[in-house]
Amino acid sequence: MLMGTFTIGQFVHLDGSGVGVVVMLPNKTDVPDEHVGVWFGTTTETGSPVICTVPAEYFKPTPAPTIQH
């Protein structure tokens, strides 16, 4: 995916890691250029979210999420 196409809260897919949510972009955080900060649902033992910075080109778009109530 192109770097400019990411938004906070967007679902993305990374082979080997599955679906994650974009939580950080490089222009406003310590994320390296051309990378995206994504949360894949993991936390530390203390409950802190683990954010992975991954080169933007590795992500694939996901279909729209299914909303359930």
C-alpha atoms as a PDB file:
ATOM      1  CA  MET A   1       0.000   0.000   0.000  1.00  0.00           C
ATOM      2  CA  LEU A   2       1.151   3.554  -0.598  1.00  0.00           C
ATOM      3  CA  MET A   3       2.271   5.515   2.452  1.00  0.00           C
ATOM      4  CA  GLY A   4      -0.292   8.305   1.945  1.00  0.00           C
ATOM      5  CA  THR A   5      -3.236   5.910   1.991  1.00  0.00           C
ATOM      6  CA  PHE A   6      -3.123   5.088   5.727  1.00  0.00           C
ATOM      7  CA  THR A   7      -5.370   6.596   8.381  1.00  0.00           C
ATOM      8  CA  ILE A   8      -5.534   6.104  12.137  1.00  0.00           C
ATOM      9  CA  GLY A   9      -8.043   3.354  12.932  1.00  0.00           C
ATOM     10  CA  GLN A  10      -7.716   1.675   9.536  1.00  0.00           C
ATOM     11  CA  PHE A  11      -7.622  -2.124   9.459  1.00  0.00           C
ATOM     12  CA  VAL A  12      -4.682  -3.596   7.526  1.00  0.00           C
ATOM     13  CA  HIS A  13      -3.369  -7.098   6.867  1.00  0.00           C
ATOM     14  CA  LEU A  14       0.226  -8.270   7.243  1.00  0.00           C
ATOM     15  CA  ASP A  15       1.194 -11.767   6.105  1.00  0.00           C
ATOM     16  CA  GLY A  16       2.255 -13.784   9.134  1.00  0.00           C
ATOM     17  CA  SER A  17       0.647 -11.421  11.655  1.00  0.00           C
ATOM     18  CA  GLY A  18      -2.934 -11.170  10.431  1.00  0.00           C
ATOM     19  CA  VAL A  19      -5.214  -8.160  10.780  1.00  0.00           C
ATOM     20  CA  GLY A  20      -4.112  -5.118  12.745  1.00  0.00           C
ATOM     21  CA  VAL A  21      -5.209  -1.541  13.326  1.00  0.00           C
ATOM     22  CA  VAL A  22      -3.174   1.522  12.313  1.00  0.00           C
ATOM     23  CA  VAL A  23      -2.474   3.509  15.480  1.00  0.00           C
ATOM     24  CA  MET A  24       0.558   5.652  14.570  1.00  0.00           C
ATOM     25  CA  LEU A  25       1.758   7.478  11.465  1.00  0.00           C
ATOM     26  CA  PRO A  26       5.310   8.772  10.913  1.00  0.00           C
ATOM     27  CA  ASN A  27       4.524  12.467  10.571  1.00  0.00           C
ATOM     28  CA  LYS A  28       3.263  12.897  14.147  1.00  0.00           C
ATOM     29  CA  THR A  29       5.153  10.271  16.177  1.00  0.00           C
ATOM     30  CA  ASP A  30       8.478   8.485  16.523  1.00  0.00           C
ATOM     31  CA  VAL A  31       7.528   6.019  13.774  1.00  0.00           C
ATOM     32  CA  PRO A  32      10.283   5.904  11.116  1.00  0.00           C
ATOM     33  CA  ASP A  33       9.582   7.385   7.678  1.00  0.00           C
ATOM     34  CA  GLU A  34       7.701   5.066   5.311  1.00  0.00           C
ATOM     35  CA  HIS A  35       6.588   2.904   8.290  1.00  0.00           C
ATOM     36  CA  VAL A  36       3.237   2.547  10.032  1.00  0.00           C
ATOM     37  CA  GLY A  37       2.578   1.784  13.704  1.00  0.00           C
ATOM     38  CA  VAL A  38       0.097  -1.096  13.954  1.00  0.00           C
ATOM     39  CA  TRP A  39      -1.490  -2.846  16.912  1.00  0.00           C
ATOM     40  CA  PHE A  40      -2.188  -6.546  16.344  1.00  0.00           C
ATOM     41  CA  GLY A  41      -4.039  -7.022  19.637  1.00  0.00           C
ATOM     42  CA  THR A  42      -1.105  -8.000  21.830  1.00  0.00           C
ATOM     43  CA  THR A  43      -0.233  -6.468  25.194  1.00  0.00           C
ATOM     44  CA  THR A  44       2.599  -6.740  27.703  1.00  0.00           C
ATOM     45  CA  GLU A  45       2.172  -8.487  31.056  1.00  0.00           C
ATOM     46  CA  THR A  46       1.181  -5.119  32.540  1.00  0.00           C
ATOM     47  CA  GLY A  47      -1.488  -4.536  29.883  1.00  0.00           C
ATOM     48  CA  SER A  48       0.376  -2.000  27.756  1.00  0.00           C
ATOM     49  CA  PRO A  49      -0.407  -2.354  24.022  1.00  0.00           C
ATOM     50  CA  VAL A  50       2.484  -3.561  21.864  1.00  0.00           C
ATOM     51  CA  ILE A  51       2.772  -1.383  18.754  1.00  0.00           C
ATOM     52  CA  CYS A  52       4.766  -2.746  15.810  1.00  0.00           C
ATOM     53  CA  THR A  53       6.389  -0.399  13.287  1.00  0.00           C
ATOM     54  CA  VAL A  54       6.383  -2.014   9.867  1.00  0.00           C
ATOM     55  CA  PRO A  55       7.310  -0.696   6.403  1.00  0.00           C
ATOM     56  CA  ALA A  56       4.116   0.521   4.753  1.00  0.00           C
ATOM     57  CA  GLU A  57       4.729  -1.473   1.584  1.00  0.00           C
ATOM     58  CA  TYR A  58       4.244  -4.773   3.460  1.00  0.00           C
ATOM     59  CA  PHE A  59       0.563  -4.176   4.228  1.00  0.00           C
ATOM     60  CA  LYS A  60      -2.439  -5.277   2.217  1.00  0.00           C
ATOM     61  CA  PRO A  61      -5.867  -3.643   2.481  1.00  0.00           C
ATOM     62  CA  THR A  62      -8.624  -5.550   4.246  1.00  0.00           C
ATOM     63  CA  PRO A  63     -12.293  -5.768   3.364  1.00  0.00           C
ATOM     64  CA  ALA A  64     -14.636  -3.502   5.307  1.00  0.00           C
ATOM     65  CA  PRO A  65     -15.185  -4.834   8.826  1.00  0.00           C
ATOM     66  CA  THR A  66     -18.358  -6.689   9.732  1.00  0.00           C
ATOM     67  CA  ILE A  67     -20.210  -4.845  12.495  1.00  0.00           C
ATOM     68  CA  GLN A  68     -22.036  -6.924  15.085  1.00  0.00           C
ATOM     69  CA  HIS A  69     -24.208  -5.811  17.998  1.00  0.00           C
END
